[in-house]
N, C-alpha and C. Protein backbone atom coordinates (compact mmCIF):
# COMPACT_ATOMS: atom_id res chain seq x y z
N MET A 1 24.70 -63.80 -24.75
CA MET A 1 24.66 -62.55 -25.43
C MET A 1 26.09 -62.20 -25.84
N ASN A 2 26.25 -62.01 -27.12
CA ASN A 2 27.59 -61.67 -27.59
C ASN A 2 27.78 -60.15 -27.63
N ARG A 3 28.90 -59.77 -28.07
CA ARG A 3 29.29 -58.37 -28.04
C ARG A 3 28.39 -57.50 -28.92
N THR A 4 28.04 -57.92 -30.08
CA THR A 4 27.21 -57.15 -31.01
C THR A 4 25.81 -56.97 -30.43
N GLU A 5 25.24 -58.00 -29.86
CA GLU A 5 23.91 -57.90 -29.27
C GLU A 5 23.93 -56.95 -28.06
N PHE A 6 25.00 -57.00 -27.30
CA PHE A 6 25.13 -56.11 -26.15
C PHE A 6 25.20 -54.65 -26.59
N ILE A 7 25.95 -54.38 -27.65
CA ILE A 7 26.07 -53.02 -28.18
C ILE A 7 24.73 -52.54 -28.71
N ILE A 8 24.02 -53.39 -29.43
CA ILE A 8 22.71 -53.02 -29.98
C ILE A 8 21.71 -52.78 -28.83
N ALA A 9 21.70 -53.65 -27.84
CA ALA A 9 20.79 -53.50 -26.72
C ALA A 9 21.09 -52.21 -25.96
N THR A 10 22.38 -51.91 -25.77
CA THR A 10 22.78 -50.67 -25.09
C THR A 10 22.35 -49.44 -25.90
N ALA A 11 22.54 -49.51 -27.22
CA ALA A 11 22.15 -48.40 -28.09
C ALA A 11 20.64 -48.18 -28.05
N VAL A 12 19.88 -49.27 -28.07
CA VAL A 12 18.41 -49.15 -28.02
C VAL A 12 17.99 -48.55 -26.68
N ILE A 13 18.57 -49.01 -25.60
CA ILE A 13 18.23 -48.48 -24.27
C ILE A 13 18.57 -46.99 -24.19
N LEU A 14 19.76 -46.61 -24.69
CA LEU A 14 20.14 -45.20 -24.67
C LEU A 14 19.21 -44.35 -25.55
N PHE A 15 18.80 -44.88 -26.71
CA PHE A 15 17.89 -44.16 -27.59
C PHE A 15 16.53 -43.97 -26.94
N VAL A 16 16.02 -45.04 -26.29
CA VAL A 16 14.74 -44.94 -25.60
C VAL A 16 14.84 -43.93 -24.44
N ALA A 17 15.94 -43.94 -23.72
CA ALA A 17 16.13 -42.98 -22.64
C ALA A 17 16.18 -41.55 -23.19
N PHE A 18 16.88 -41.37 -24.31
CA PHE A 18 16.92 -40.06 -24.94
C PHE A 18 15.53 -39.61 -25.39
N ALA A 19 14.78 -40.52 -26.01
CA ALA A 19 13.44 -40.19 -26.50
C ALA A 19 12.52 -39.84 -25.32
N LEU A 20 12.59 -40.59 -24.24
CA LEU A 20 11.77 -40.29 -23.07
C LEU A 20 12.16 -38.94 -22.46
N GLY A 21 13.44 -38.65 -22.39
CA GLY A 21 13.90 -37.37 -21.87
C GLY A 21 13.45 -36.21 -22.74
N TRP A 22 13.55 -36.39 -24.06
CA TRP A 22 13.10 -35.35 -24.97
C TRP A 22 11.60 -35.13 -24.84
N PHE A 23 10.85 -36.21 -24.75
CA PHE A 23 9.40 -36.12 -24.61
C PHE A 23 9.03 -35.43 -23.29
N ALA A 24 9.70 -35.77 -22.21
CA ALA A 24 9.44 -35.13 -20.92
C ALA A 24 9.77 -33.64 -20.98
N SER A 25 10.88 -33.30 -21.63
CA SER A 25 11.25 -31.90 -21.78
C SER A 25 10.21 -31.15 -22.61
N TRP A 26 9.72 -31.76 -23.67
CA TRP A 26 8.70 -31.13 -24.51
C TRP A 26 7.42 -30.90 -23.71
N LEU A 27 7.03 -31.90 -22.89
CA LEU A 27 5.83 -31.75 -22.07
C LEU A 27 5.98 -30.61 -21.07
N VAL A 28 7.12 -30.55 -20.41
CA VAL A 28 7.35 -29.49 -19.43
C VAL A 28 7.29 -28.13 -20.10
N ASN A 29 7.96 -27.99 -21.24
CA ASN A 29 7.94 -26.71 -21.95
C ASN A 29 6.54 -26.36 -22.45
N ARG A 30 5.80 -27.35 -22.85
CA ARG A 30 4.43 -27.12 -23.36
C ARG A 30 3.52 -26.60 -22.25
N PHE A 31 3.63 -27.16 -21.05
CA PHE A 31 2.74 -26.77 -19.97
C PHE A 31 3.19 -25.51 -19.24
N THR A 32 4.47 -25.18 -19.31
CA THR A 32 4.96 -24.00 -18.60
C THR A 32 5.17 -22.80 -19.51
N ARG A 33 4.79 -22.90 -20.74
CA ARG A 33 4.99 -21.81 -21.69
C ARG A 33 4.09 -20.64 -21.31
N VAL A 34 4.63 -19.43 -21.39
CA VAL A 34 3.88 -18.22 -21.09
C VAL A 34 3.38 -17.65 -22.41
N THR A 35 2.08 -17.42 -22.50
CA THR A 35 1.51 -16.91 -23.75
C THR A 35 1.52 -15.38 -23.74
N GLN A 36 1.30 -14.80 -24.91
CA GLN A 36 1.25 -13.35 -25.02
C GLN A 36 0.07 -12.78 -24.23
N ALA A 37 -1.03 -13.53 -24.18
CA ALA A 37 -2.18 -13.07 -23.40
C ALA A 37 -1.82 -12.98 -21.92
N ASP A 38 -1.07 -13.97 -21.43
CA ASP A 38 -0.64 -13.93 -20.03
C ASP A 38 0.26 -12.74 -19.76
N ILE A 39 1.16 -12.46 -20.70
CA ILE A 39 2.08 -11.34 -20.53
C ILE A 39 1.29 -10.03 -20.55
N GLY A 40 0.31 -9.92 -21.46
CA GLY A 40 -0.52 -8.73 -21.51
C GLY A 40 -1.30 -8.53 -20.22
N GLU A 41 -1.84 -9.62 -19.69
CA GLU A 41 -2.58 -9.54 -18.44
C GLU A 41 -1.67 -9.12 -17.29
N LEU A 42 -0.45 -9.66 -17.26
CA LEU A 42 0.50 -9.27 -16.21
C LEU A 42 0.86 -7.79 -16.32
N GLU A 43 1.00 -7.29 -17.55
CA GLU A 43 1.30 -5.87 -17.74
C GLU A 43 0.14 -5.00 -17.26
N LYS A 44 -1.10 -5.42 -17.53
CA LYS A 44 -2.27 -4.67 -17.06
C LYS A 44 -2.31 -4.66 -15.54
N MET A 45 -2.03 -5.81 -14.94
CA MET A 45 -2.03 -5.89 -13.48
C MET A 45 -0.94 -5.00 -12.89
N ALA A 46 0.23 -4.99 -13.51
CA ALA A 46 1.33 -4.16 -13.03
C ALA A 46 0.96 -2.68 -13.14
N GLN A 47 0.31 -2.30 -14.23
CA GLN A 47 -0.10 -0.90 -14.40
C GLN A 47 -1.16 -0.53 -13.37
N ALA A 48 -2.11 -1.43 -13.13
CA ALA A 48 -3.14 -1.17 -12.12
C ALA A 48 -2.53 -1.02 -10.73
N LEU A 49 -1.55 -1.87 -10.42
CA LEU A 49 -0.86 -1.77 -9.13
C LEU A 49 -0.12 -0.44 -9.01
N HIS A 50 0.54 -0.05 -10.09
CA HIS A 50 1.27 1.22 -10.09
C HIS A 50 0.30 2.39 -9.87
N ASP A 51 -0.82 2.38 -10.56
CA ASP A 51 -1.82 3.44 -10.39
C ASP A 51 -2.37 3.47 -8.97
N ALA A 52 -2.61 2.29 -8.41
CA ALA A 52 -3.13 2.21 -7.03
C ALA A 52 -2.10 2.76 -6.04
N GLU A 53 -0.83 2.46 -6.25
CA GLU A 53 0.21 2.98 -5.36
C GLU A 53 0.30 4.50 -5.45
N GLU A 54 0.19 5.04 -6.67
CA GLU A 54 0.22 6.49 -6.84
C GLU A 54 -0.97 7.14 -6.14
N ALA A 55 -2.15 6.53 -6.28
CA ALA A 55 -3.35 7.07 -5.63
C ALA A 55 -3.19 7.02 -4.11
N ARG A 56 -2.62 5.95 -3.60
CA ARG A 56 -2.40 5.83 -2.16
C ARG A 56 -1.44 6.91 -1.67
N GLU A 57 -0.38 7.16 -2.43
CA GLU A 57 0.57 8.20 -2.04
C GLU A 57 -0.08 9.58 -2.05
N GLU A 58 -0.92 9.84 -3.09
CA GLU A 58 -1.62 11.12 -3.15
C GLU A 58 -2.55 11.28 -1.96
N GLN A 59 -3.24 10.22 -1.61
CA GLN A 59 -4.15 10.28 -0.47
C GLN A 59 -3.39 10.49 0.83
N ALA A 60 -2.23 9.87 0.96
CA ALA A 60 -1.42 10.06 2.17
C ALA A 60 -0.98 11.51 2.29
N VAL A 61 -0.58 12.12 1.17
CA VAL A 61 -0.18 13.53 1.19
C VAL A 61 -1.38 14.40 1.55
N TYR A 62 -2.54 14.10 0.98
CA TYR A 62 -3.76 14.87 1.28
C TYR A 62 -4.11 14.76 2.77
N VAL A 63 -4.04 13.55 3.30
CA VAL A 63 -4.38 13.35 4.71
C VAL A 63 -3.41 14.12 5.60
N GLU A 64 -2.13 14.09 5.29
CA GLU A 64 -1.15 14.82 6.10
C GLU A 64 -1.42 16.33 6.04
N ARG A 65 -1.71 16.84 4.84
CA ARG A 65 -1.98 18.27 4.69
C ARG A 65 -3.24 18.65 5.46
N ARG A 66 -4.28 17.87 5.32
CA ARG A 66 -5.55 18.14 6.00
C ARG A 66 -5.37 18.06 7.53
N GLU A 67 -4.58 17.09 7.96
CA GLU A 67 -4.32 16.94 9.39
C GLU A 67 -3.60 18.16 9.94
N SER A 68 -2.63 18.68 9.20
CA SER A 68 -1.91 19.87 9.67
C SER A 68 -2.84 21.08 9.67
N GLU A 69 -3.74 21.19 8.66
CA GLU A 69 -4.69 22.29 8.65
C GLU A 69 -5.62 22.23 9.86
N LEU A 70 -6.10 21.03 10.16
CA LEU A 70 -7.00 20.88 11.31
C LEU A 70 -6.29 21.13 12.63
N ALA A 71 -5.03 20.72 12.73
CA ALA A 71 -4.27 20.99 13.95
C ALA A 71 -4.08 22.49 14.13
N SER A 72 -3.80 23.19 13.04
CA SER A 72 -3.65 24.64 13.10
C SER A 72 -4.97 25.30 13.50
N LEU A 73 -6.05 24.85 12.91
CA LEU A 73 -7.37 25.40 13.25
C LEU A 73 -7.72 25.13 14.71
N MET A 74 -7.40 23.96 15.19
CA MET A 74 -7.67 23.63 16.58
C MET A 74 -6.84 24.50 17.51
N ALA A 75 -5.58 24.73 17.19
CA ALA A 75 -4.74 25.59 18.03
C ALA A 75 -5.29 27.01 18.04
N GLN A 76 -5.74 27.49 16.88
CA GLN A 76 -6.31 28.82 16.79
C GLN A 76 -7.59 28.91 17.62
N THR A 77 -8.43 27.90 17.52
CA THR A 77 -9.68 27.88 18.29
C THR A 77 -9.41 27.83 19.79
N GLU A 78 -8.43 27.06 20.20
CA GLU A 78 -8.08 26.99 21.62
C GLU A 78 -7.56 28.34 22.11
N ALA A 79 -6.79 29.02 21.27
CA ALA A 79 -6.28 30.34 21.66
C ALA A 79 -7.44 31.32 21.80
N GLU A 80 -8.40 31.27 20.88
CA GLU A 80 -9.57 32.13 20.98
C GLU A 80 -10.39 31.80 22.23
N LEU A 81 -10.51 30.53 22.54
CA LEU A 81 -11.24 30.12 23.74
C LEU A 81 -10.56 30.65 25.00
N ARG A 82 -9.24 30.54 25.06
CA ARG A 82 -8.51 31.07 26.22
C ARG A 82 -8.72 32.57 26.35
N ALA A 83 -8.67 33.28 25.21
CA ALA A 83 -8.88 34.73 25.24
C ALA A 83 -10.29 35.05 25.71
N ALA A 84 -11.28 34.30 25.24
CA ALA A 84 -12.66 34.54 25.65
C ALA A 84 -12.83 34.25 27.14
N MET A 85 -12.22 33.16 27.61
CA MET A 85 -12.31 32.83 29.03
C MET A 85 -11.64 33.90 29.88
N ASP A 86 -10.50 34.42 29.44
CA ASP A 86 -9.83 35.50 30.18
C ASP A 86 -10.71 36.74 30.19
N GLY A 87 -11.32 37.06 29.07
CA GLY A 87 -12.22 38.22 29.01
C GLY A 87 -13.41 38.04 29.92
N LEU A 88 -13.98 36.84 29.94
CA LEU A 88 -15.12 36.55 30.82
C LEU A 88 -14.71 36.66 32.27
N ARG A 89 -13.54 36.16 32.60
CA ARG A 89 -13.04 36.24 33.98
C ARG A 89 -12.87 37.70 34.39
N THR A 90 -12.31 38.49 33.49
CA THR A 90 -12.11 39.92 33.78
C THR A 90 -13.47 40.61 33.95
N ALA A 91 -14.42 40.30 33.08
CA ALA A 91 -15.75 40.92 33.16
C ALA A 91 -16.44 40.53 34.46
N ARG A 92 -16.30 39.31 34.90
CA ARG A 92 -16.90 38.88 36.17
C ARG A 92 -16.27 39.63 37.35
N ARG A 93 -14.96 39.75 37.28
CA ARG A 93 -14.26 40.46 38.36
C ARG A 93 -14.73 41.91 38.43
N GLU A 94 -14.82 42.56 37.27
CA GLU A 94 -15.29 43.95 37.24
C GLU A 94 -16.73 44.04 37.73
N ASN A 95 -17.54 43.08 37.34
CA ASN A 95 -18.93 43.04 37.78
C ASN A 95 -19.02 42.92 39.30
N ASP A 96 -18.20 42.03 39.86
CA ASP A 96 -18.19 41.88 41.32
C ASP A 96 -17.75 43.18 42.01
N GLU A 97 -16.75 43.83 41.45
CA GLU A 97 -16.28 45.09 42.03
C GLU A 97 -17.37 46.16 41.97
N LEU A 98 -18.07 46.25 40.83
CA LEU A 98 -19.12 47.24 40.70
C LEU A 98 -20.28 46.93 41.64
N ARG A 99 -20.61 45.67 41.81
CA ARG A 99 -21.68 45.27 42.72
C ARG A 99 -21.31 45.67 44.16
N LYS A 100 -20.06 45.44 44.55
CA LYS A 100 -19.61 45.81 45.91
C LYS A 100 -19.69 47.32 46.11
N GLN A 101 -19.32 48.07 45.07
CA GLN A 101 -19.39 49.53 45.19
C GLN A 101 -20.84 50.00 45.33
N LEU A 102 -21.74 49.34 44.59
CA LEU A 102 -23.16 49.70 44.69
C LEU A 102 -23.72 49.36 46.05
N GLU A 103 -23.31 48.27 46.64
CA GLU A 103 -23.80 47.87 47.95
C GLU A 103 -23.30 48.83 49.03
N LYS A 104 -22.11 49.37 48.87
CA LYS A 104 -21.57 50.33 49.84
C LYS A 104 -22.34 51.63 49.80
N ASN A 105 -22.80 52.01 48.66
CA ASN A 105 -23.49 53.29 48.53
C ASN A 105 -24.89 53.15 48.86
């Protein structure tokens, strides 16, 4: 193999390598390309996620508010129960005192 044949063989090999590289790059770009439909679908999904997060936050605020209302109502009910129990205790004591007075007479 003389010098000219070596140069031609090297040029052909380099050209084939370039062509294969270009073809591989084209294939990769062809299969990984993002279409407008995909972008639109991703935007819809992002909007749905955003809406779901907002709804979750609203529900969390509602639950906290409702929980505080119920805690307040429970404290009020417990206070009323204590007052009723104290009144009942007082009424029983008075009843016992009146019964003792009646028994003495």
